[in-house]
Amino acid sequence: MIATPIAIDVPLRTDSDGVIRVGNTRVTLHTIIGFYNSGETPEDLHDGFPTVSLADIYAVIAYYLANRAAVDDYLHQIDE
């Protein structure tokens, strides 16, 4: 039998300029979600951004899917 899963922290942080980055990397939330929305798979993203672990990419995408409206609002603000 599998144990009850533990909660997973979303590896996002806001830098001193207000940009949301993934984990301890310079890769931005905007970059990961932008490529994801254009059809890239998590594995493709990991190949392109090997400093971001595959687990972190999946966690960020899961966070995005659960909070799409809020993340999309943030991304639109960044684009402006």
PDB file of N, CA and C in Angstrom:
ATOM      1  N   MET A   1       0.842  -1.183   0.000  1.00  0.00           N
ATOM      2  CA  MET A   1       0.000   0.000   0.000  1.00  0.00           C
ATOM      3  C   MET A   1       0.888   1.247   0.000  1.00  0.00           C
ATOM      4  N   ILE A   2       0.467   2.244  -0.737  1.00  0.00           N
ATOM      5  CA  ILE A   2       1.220   3.490  -0.816  1.00  0.00           C
ATOM      6  C   ILE A   2       0.821   4.394   0.344  1.00  0.00           C
ATOM      7  N   ALA A   3       1.797   5.055   0.885  1.00  0.00           N
ATOM      8  CA  ALA A   3       1.541   5.997   1.979  1.00  0.00           C
ATOM      9  C   ALA A   3       0.851   7.242   1.438  1.00  0.00           C
ATOM     10  N   THR A   4       0.195   7.948   2.310  1.00  0.00           N
ATOM     11  CA  THR A   4      -0.438   9.207   1.921  1.00  0.00           C
ATOM     12  C   THR A   4       0.641  10.151   1.406  1.00  0.00           C
ATOM     13  N   PRO A   5       0.446  10.717   0.219  1.00  0.00           N
ATOM     14  CA  PRO A   5       1.462  11.605  -0.345  1.00  0.00           C
ATOM     15  C   PRO A   5       1.662  12.851   0.520  1.00  0.00           C
ATOM     16  N   ILE A   6       2.886  13.325   0.532  1.00  0.00           N
ATOM     17  CA  ILE A   6       3.184  14.562   1.239  1.00  0.00           C
ATOM     18  C   ILE A   6       2.921  15.741   0.307  1.00  0.00           C
ATOM     19  N   ALA A   7       2.752  16.893   0.883  1.00  0.00           N
ATOM     20  CA  ALA A   7       2.578  18.101   0.078  1.00  0.00           C
ATOM     21  C   ALA A   7       3.896  18.446  -0.597  1.00  0.00           C
ATOM     22  N   ILE A   8       3.805  18.963  -1.787  1.00  0.00           N
ATOM     23  CA  ILE A   8       4.995  19.363  -2.532  1.00  0.00           C
ATOM     24  C   ILE A   8       5.032  20.883  -2.599  1.00  0.00           C
ATOM     25  N   ASP A   9       6.155  21.453  -2.220  1.00  0.00           N
ATOM     26  CA  ASP A   9       6.321  22.895  -2.317  1.00  0.00           C
ATOM     27  C   ASP A   9       6.491  23.292  -3.784  1.00  0.00           C
ATOM     28  N   VAL A  10       5.878  24.391  -4.153  1.00  0.00           N
ATOM     29  CA  VAL A  10       6.042  24.910  -5.510  1.00  0.00           C
ATOM     30  C   VAL A  10       7.337  25.714  -5.523  1.00  0.00           C
ATOM     31  N   PRO A  11       8.268  25.355  -6.396  1.00  0.00           N
ATOM     32  CA  PRO A  11       9.591  25.988  -6.386  1.00  0.00           C
ATOM     33  C   PRO A  11       9.614  27.330  -7.109  1.00  0.00           C
ATOM     34  N   LEU A  12       8.872  28.287  -6.589  1.00  0.00           N
ATOM     35  CA  LEU A  12       8.845  29.627  -7.177  1.00  0.00           C
ATOM     36  C   LEU A  12       9.314  30.635  -6.144  1.00  0.00           C
ATOM     37  N   ARG A  13      10.040  31.639  -6.618  1.00  0.00           N
ATOM     38  CA  ARG A  13      10.494  32.722  -5.744  1.00  0.00           C
ATOM     39  C   ARG A  13      10.436  34.023  -6.536  1.00  0.00           C
ATOM     40  N   THR A  14      10.216  35.092  -5.826  1.00  0.00           N
ATOM     41  CA  THR A  14      10.202  36.411  -6.451  1.00  0.00           C
ATOM     42  C   THR A  14      11.531  37.084  -6.170  1.00  0.00           C
ATOM     43  N   ASP A  15      12.218  37.531  -7.224  1.00  0.00           N
ATOM     44  CA  ASP A  15      13.518  38.176  -7.034  1.00  0.00           C
ATOM     45  C   ASP A  15      13.335  39.643  -6.643  1.00  0.00           C
ATOM     46  N   SER A  16      14.440  40.340  -6.454  1.00  0.00           N
ATOM     47  CA  SER A  16      14.394  41.727  -5.983  1.00  0.00           C
ATOM     48  C   SER A  16      13.749  42.682  -6.985  1.00  0.00           C
ATOM     49  N   ASP A  17      13.631  42.260  -8.251  1.00  0.00           N
ATOM     50  CA  ASP A  17      12.982  43.081  -9.274  1.00  0.00           C
ATOM     51  C   ASP A  17      11.514  42.725  -9.457  1.00  0.00           C
ATOM     52  N   GLY A  18      11.000  41.786  -8.643  1.00  0.00           N
ATOM     53  CA  GLY A  18       9.602  41.391  -8.738  1.00  0.00           C
ATOM     54  C   GLY A  18       9.322  40.335  -9.787  1.00  0.00           C
ATOM     55  N   VAL A  19      10.373  39.715 -10.325  1.00  0.00           N
ATOM     56  CA  VAL A  19      10.221  38.673 -11.339  1.00  0.00           C
ATOM     57  C   VAL A  19      10.166  37.322 -10.628  1.00  0.00           C
ATOM     58  N   ILE A  20       9.204  36.496 -11.023  1.00  0.00           N
ATOM     59  CA  ILE A  20       9.068  35.173 -10.419  1.00  0.00           C
ATOM     60  C   ILE A  20       9.979  34.210 -11.170  1.00  0.00           C
ATOM     61  N   ARG A  21      10.851  33.554 -10.409  1.00  0.00           N
ATOM     62  CA  ARG A  21      11.818  32.606 -10.966  1.00  0.00           C
ATOM     63  C   ARG A  21      11.581  31.218 -10.397  1.00  0.00           C
ATOM     64  N   VAL A  22      12.074  30.207 -11.119  1.00  0.00           N
ATOM     65  CA  VAL A  22      11.879  28.816 -10.729  1.00  0.00           C
ATOM     66  C   VAL A  22      13.069  28.349  -9.892  1.00  0.00           C
ATOM     67  N   GLY A  23      12.761  27.924  -8.670  1.00  0.00           N
ATOM     68  CA  GLY A  23      13.801  27.401  -7.777  1.00  0.00           C
ATOM     69  C   GLY A  23      14.934  28.378  -7.589  1.00  0.00           C
ATOM     70  N   ASN A  24      16.141  27.839  -7.560  1.00  0.00           N
ATOM     71  CA  ASN A  24      17.330  28.673  -7.401  1.00  0.00           C
ATOM     72  C   ASN A  24      17.979  28.999  -8.735  1.00  0.00           C
ATOM     73  N   THR A  25      17.179  28.994  -9.806  1.00  0.00           N
ATOM     74  CA  THR A  25      17.702  29.267 -11.142  1.00  0.00           C
ATOM     75  C   THR A  25      17.318  30.679 -11.567  1.00  0.00           C
ATOM     76  N   ARG A  26      17.836  31.073 -12.709  1.00  0.00           N
ATOM     77  CA  ARG A  26      17.458  32.355 -13.293  1.00  0.00           C
ATOM     78  C   ARG A  26      16.270  32.209 -14.247  1.00  0.00           C
ATOM     79  N   VAL A  27      15.807  30.991 -14.456  1.00  0.00           N
ATOM     80  CA  VAL A  27      14.694  30.722 -15.376  1.00  0.00           C
ATOM     81  C   VAL A  27      13.407  31.282 -14.768  1.00  0.00           C
ATOM     82  N   THR A  28      12.650  32.002 -15.579  1.00  0.00           N
ATOM     83  CA  THR A  28      11.442  32.656 -15.076  1.00  0.00           C
ATOM     84  C   THR A  28      10.196  31.796 -15.263  1.00  0.00           C
ATOM     85  N   LEU A  29       9.208  32.084 -14.436  1.00  0.00           N
ATOM     86  CA  LEU A  29       7.894  31.466 -14.583  1.00  0.00           C
ATOM     87  C   LEU A  29       7.350  31.770 -15.972  1.00  0.00           C
ATOM     88  N   HIS A  30       7.533  32.992 -16.429  1.00  0.00           N
ATOM     89  CA  HIS A  30       7.074  33.426 -17.741  1.00  0.00           C
ATOM     90  C   HIS A  30       7.645  32.529 -18.839  1.00  0.00           C
ATOM     91  N   THR A  31       8.917  32.200 -18.739  1.00  0.00           N
ATOM     92  CA  THR A  31       9.570  31.361 -19.741  1.00  0.00           C
ATOM     93  C   THR A  31       8.992  29.952 -19.751  1.00  0.00           C
ATOM     94  N   ILE A  32       8.911  29.334 -18.587  1.00  0.00           N
ATOM     95  CA  ILE A  32       8.410  27.960 -18.506  1.00  0.00           C
ATOM     96  C   ILE A  32       6.978  27.868 -19.014  1.00  0.00           C
ATOM     97  N   ILE A  33       6.111  28.756 -18.549  1.00  0.00           N
ATOM     98  CA  ILE A  33       4.702  28.691 -18.949  1.00  0.00           C
ATOM     99  C   ILE A  33       4.530  29.092 -20.408  1.00  0.00           C
ATOM    100  N   GLY A  34       5.310  30.040 -20.870  1.00  0.00           N
ATOM    101  CA  GLY A  34       5.234  30.434 -22.280  1.00  0.00           C
ATOM    102  C   GLY A  34       5.538  29.275 -23.211  1.00  0.00           C
ATOM    103  N   PHE A  35       6.633  28.567 -22.940  1.00  0.00           N
ATOM    104  CA  PHE A  35       6.972  27.408 -23.767  1.00  0.00           C
ATOM    105  C   PHE A  35       5.961  26.282 -23.590  1.00  0.00           C
ATOM    106  N   TYR A  36       5.490  26.078 -22.361  1.00  0.00           N
ATOM    107  CA  TYR A  36       4.477  25.038 -22.115  1.00  0.00           C
ATOM    108  C   TYR A  36       3.214  25.334 -22.932  1.00  0.00           C
ATOM    109  N   ASN A  37       2.772  26.586 -22.927  1.00  0.00           N
ATOM    110  CA  ASN A  37       1.557  26.964 -23.669  1.00  0.00           C
ATOM    111  C   ASN A  37       1.748  26.895 -25.178  1.00  0.00           C
ATOM    112  N   SER A  38       2.999  26.906 -25.632  1.00  0.00           N
ATOM    113  CA  SER A  38       3.232  26.784 -27.074  1.00  0.00           C
ATOM    114  C   SER A  38       3.446  25.327 -27.490  1.00  0.00           C
ATOM    115  N   GLY A  39       3.231  24.385 -26.549  1.00  0.00           N
ATOM    116  CA  GLY A  39       3.233  22.979 -26.907  1.00  0.00           C
ATOM    117  C   GLY A  39       4.426  22.168 -26.442  1.00  0.00           C
ATOM    118  N   GLU A  40       5.368  22.800 -25.764  1.00  0.00           N
ATOM    119  CA  GLU A  40       6.526  22.060 -25.258  1.00  0.00           C
ATOM    120  C   GLU A  40       6.106  21.140 -24.115  1.00  0.00           C
ATOM    121  N   THR A  41       6.676  19.957 -24.069  1.00  0.00           N
ATOM    122  CA  THR A  41       6.413  19.037 -22.968  1.00  0.00           C
ATOM    123  C   THR A  41       7.353  19.361 -21.813  1.00  0.00           C
ATOM    124  N   PRO A  42       7.044  18.891 -20.615  1.00  0.00           N
ATOM    125  CA  PRO A  42       7.976  19.092 -19.505  1.00  0.00           C
ATOM    126  C   PRO A  42       9.371  18.545 -19.822  1.00  0.00           C
ATOM    127  N   GLU A  43       9.446  17.420 -20.512  1.00  0.00           N
ATOM    128  CA  GLU A  43      10.736  16.849 -20.880  1.00  0.00           C
ATOM    129  C   GLU A  43      11.487  17.760 -21.852  1.00  0.00           C
ATOM    130  N   ASP A  44      10.766  18.347 -22.825  1.00  0.00           N
ATOM    131  CA  ASP A  44      11.378  19.312 -23.749  1.00  0.00           C
ATOM    132  C   ASP A  44      11.921  20.508 -22.978  1.00  0.00           C
ATOM    133  N   LEU A  45      11.134  20.990 -22.022  1.00  0.00           N
ATOM    134  CA  LEU A  45      11.561  22.133 -21.218  1.00  0.00           C
ATOM    135  C   LEU A  45      12.816  21.796 -20.429  1.00  0.00           C
ATOM    136  N   HIS A  46      12.859  20.607 -19.868  1.00  0.00           N
ATOM    137  CA  HIS A  46      14.042  20.204 -19.108  1.00  0.00           C
ATOM    138  C   HIS A  46      15.266  20.107 -20.021  1.00  0.00           C
ATOM    139  N   ASP A  47      15.077  19.614 -21.233  1.00  0.00           N
ATOM    140  CA  ASP A  47      16.188  19.567 -22.190  1.00  0.00           C
ATOM    141  C   ASP A  47      16.697  20.971 -22.500  1.00  0.00           C
ATOM    142  N   GLY A  48      15.788  21.918 -22.625  1.00  0.00           N
ATOM    143  CA  GLY A  48      16.170  23.295 -22.938  1.00  0.00           C
ATOM    144  C   GLY A  48      16.688  24.079 -21.749  1.00  0.00           C
ATOM    145  N   PHE A  49      16.250  23.701 -20.571  1.00  0.00           N
ATOM    146  CA  PHE A  49      16.637  24.396 -19.342  1.00  0.00           C
ATOM    147  C   PHE A  49      17.089  23.366 -18.309  1.00  0.00           C
ATOM    148  N   PRO A  50      18.248  22.746 -18.531  1.00  0.00           N
ATOM    149  CA  PRO A  50      18.684  21.653 -17.659  1.00  0.00           C
ATOM    150  C   PRO A  50      18.984  22.075 -16.222  1.00  0.00           C
ATOM    151  N   THR A  51      19.089  23.366 -15.968  1.00  0.00           N
ATOM    152  CA  THR A  51      19.308  23.804 -14.584  1.00  0.00           C
ATOM    153  C   THR A  51      18.039  23.672 -13.746  1.00  0.00           C
ATOM    154  N   VAL A  52      16.897  23.526 -14.416  1.00  0.00           N
ATOM    155  CA  VAL A  52      15.621  23.333 -13.718  1.00  0.00           C
ATOM    156  C   VAL A  52      15.321  21.836 -13.724  1.00  0.00           C
ATOM    157  N   SER A  53      15.142  21.256 -12.547  1.00  0.00           N
ATOM    158  CA  SER A  53      14.869  19.819 -12.494  1.00  0.00           C
ATOM    159  C   SER A  53      13.514  19.520 -13.129  1.00  0.00           C
ATOM    160  N   LEU A  54      13.394  18.317 -13.634  1.00  0.00           N
ATOM    161  CA  LEU A  54      12.134  17.893 -14.242  1.00  0.00           C
ATOM    162  C   LEU A  54      11.005  17.934 -13.208  1.00  0.00           C
ATOM    163  N   ALA A  55      11.308  17.557 -11.982  1.00  0.00           N
ATOM    164  CA  ALA A  55      10.298  17.601 -10.914  1.00  0.00           C
ATOM    165  C   ALA A  55       9.824  19.035 -10.681  1.00  0.00           C
ATOM    166  N   ASP A  56      10.746  20.003 -10.702  1.00  0.00           N
ATOM    167  CA  ASP A  56      10.364  21.405 -10.520  1.00  0.00           C
ATOM    168  C   ASP A  56       9.502  21.886 -11.678  1.00  0.00           C
ATOM    169  N   ILE A  57       9.822  21.464 -12.889  1.00  0.00           N
ATOM    170  CA  ILE A  57       9.016  21.855 -14.053  1.00  0.00           C
ATOM    171  C   ILE A  57       7.598  21.321 -13.912  1.00  0.00           C
ATOM    172  N   TYR A  58       7.466  20.070 -13.541  1.00  0.00           N
ATOM    173  CA  TYR A  58       6.129  19.502 -13.341  1.00  0.00           C
ATOM    174  C   TYR A  58       5.379  20.237 -12.224  1.00  0.00           C
ATOM    175  N   ALA A  59       6.067  20.581 -11.135  1.00  0.00           N
ATOM    176  CA  ALA A  59       5.422  21.285 -10.024  1.00  0.00           C
ATOM    177  C   ALA A  59       4.939  22.665 -10.463  1.00  0.00           C
ATOM    178  N   VAL A  60       5.744  23.356 -11.238  1.00  0.00           N
ATOM    179  CA  VAL A  60       5.359  24.687 -11.726  1.00  0.00           C
ATOM    180  C   VAL A  60       4.159  24.586 -12.666  1.00  0.00           C
ATOM    181  N   ILE A  61       4.168  23.609 -13.554  1.00  0.00           N
ATOM    182  CA  ILE A  61       3.037  23.435 -14.473  1.00  0.00           C
ATOM    183  C   ILE A  61       1.776  23.066 -13.694  1.00  0.00           C
ATOM    184  N   ALA A  62       1.895  22.198 -12.694  1.00  0.00           N
ATOM    185  CA  ALA A  62       0.737  21.837 -11.872  1.00  0.00           C
ATOM    186  C   ALA A  62       0.190  23.066 -11.157  1.00  0.00           C
ATOM    187  N   TYR A  63       1.088  23.906 -10.631  1.00  0.00           N
ATOM    188  CA  TYR A  63       0.659  25.143  -9.977  1.00  0.00           C
ATOM    189  C   TYR A  63      -0.080  26.035 -10.978  1.00  0.00           C
ATOM    190  N   TYR A  64       0.476  26.149 -12.170  1.00  0.00           N
ATOM    191  CA  TYR A  64      -0.158  26.961 -13.206  1.00  0.00           C
ATOM    192  C   TYR A  64      -1.562  26.452 -13.530  1.00  0.00           C
ATOM    193  N   LEU A  65      -1.687  25.153 -13.718  1.00  0.00           N
ATOM    194  CA  LEU A  65      -2.993  24.589 -14.075  1.00  0.00           C
ATOM    195  C   LEU A  65      -4.017  24.777 -12.959  1.00  0.00           C
ATOM    196  N   ALA A  66      -3.566  24.783 -11.711  1.00  0.00           N
ATOM    197  CA  ALA A  66      -4.478  24.966 -10.574  1.00  0.00           C
ATOM    198  C   ALA A  66      -4.791  26.439 -10.313  1.00  0.00           C
ATOM    199  N   ASN A  67      -3.962  27.342 -10.857  1.00  0.00           N
ATOM    200  CA  ASN A  67      -4.103  28.780 -10.592  1.00  0.00           C
ATOM    201  C   ASN A  67      -3.986  29.581 -11.885  1.00  0.00           C
ATOM    202  N   ARG A  68      -4.587  29.060 -12.931  1.00  0.00           N
ATOM    203  CA  ARG A  68      -4.402  29.628 -14.269  1.00  0.00           C
ATOM    204  C   ARG A  68      -4.751  31.114 -14.348  1.00  0.00           C
ATOM    205  N   ALA A  69      -5.867  31.517 -13.791  1.00  0.00           N
ATOM    206  CA  ALA A  69      -6.286  32.922 -13.915  1.00  0.00           C
ATOM    207  C   ALA A  69      -5.266  33.861 -13.274  1.00  0.00           C
ATOM    208  N   ALA A  70      -4.815  33.539 -12.081  1.00  0.00           N
ATOM    209  CA  ALA A  70      -3.855  34.399 -11.382  1.00  0.00           C
ATOM    210  C   ALA A  70      -2.515  34.434 -12.109  1.00  0.00           C
ATOM    211  N   VAL A  71      -2.053  33.284 -12.574  1.00  0.00           N
ATOM    212  CA  VAL A  71      -0.770  33.243 -13.294  1.00  0.00           C
ATOM    213  C   VAL A  71      -0.893  33.975 -14.625  1.00  0.00           C
ATOM    214  N   ASP A  72      -1.989  33.775 -15.339  1.00  0.00           N
ATOM    215  CA  ASP A  72      -2.179  34.492 -16.599  1.00  0.00           C
ATOM    216  C   ASP A  72      -2.211  35.999 -16.381  1.00  0.00           C
ATOM    217  N   ASP A  73      -2.839  36.449 -15.288  1.00  0.00           N
ATOM    218  CA  ASP A  73      -2.833  37.897 -14.983  1.00  0.00           C
ATOM    219  C   ASP A  73      -1.406  38.384 -14.777  1.00  0.00           C
ATOM    220  N   TYR A  74      -0.608  37.625 -14.020  1.00  0.00           N
ATOM    221  CA  TYR A  74       0.805  37.992 -13.795  1.00  0.00           C
ATOM    222  C   TYR A  74       1.544  38.046 -15.131  1.00  0.00           C
ATOM    223  N   LEU A  75       1.358  37.049 -15.974  1.00  0.00           N
ATOM    224  CA  LEU A  75       2.071  36.990 -17.253  1.00  0.00           C
ATOM    225  C   LEU A  75       1.678  38.162 -18.148  1.00  0.00           C
ATOM    226  N   HIS A  76       0.404  38.541 -18.133  1.00  0.00           N
ATOM    227  CA  HIS A  76      -0.042  39.697 -18.932  1.00  0.00           C
ATOM    228  C   HIS A  76       0.584  40.985 -18.406  1.00  0.00           C
ATOM    229  N   GLN A  77       0.722  41.107 -17.091  1.00  0.00           N
ATOM    230  CA  GLN A  77       1.377  42.292 -16.523  1.00  0.00           C
ATOM    231  C   GLN A  77       2.829  42.364 -16.958  1.00  0.00           C
ATOM    232  N   ILE A  78       3.506  41.224 -16.974  1.00  0.00           N
ATOM    233  CA  ILE A  78       4.913  41.178 -17.392  1.00  0.00           C
ATOM    234  C   ILE A  78       5.042  41.566 -18.864  1.00  0.00           C
ATOM    235  N   ASP A  79       4.092  41.126 -19.676  1.00  0.00           N
ATOM    236  CA  ASP A  79       4.148  41.412 -21.114  1.00  0.00           C
ATOM    237  C   ASP A  79       3.935  42.887 -21.426  1.00  0.00           C
ATOM    238  N   GLU A  80       3.261  43.613 -20.544  1.00  0.00           N
ATOM    239  CA  GLU A  80       2.954  45.023 -20.818  1.00  0.00           C
ATOM    240  C   GLU A  80       4.071  45.949 -20.498  1.00  0.00           C
TER     241      GLU A  80
END
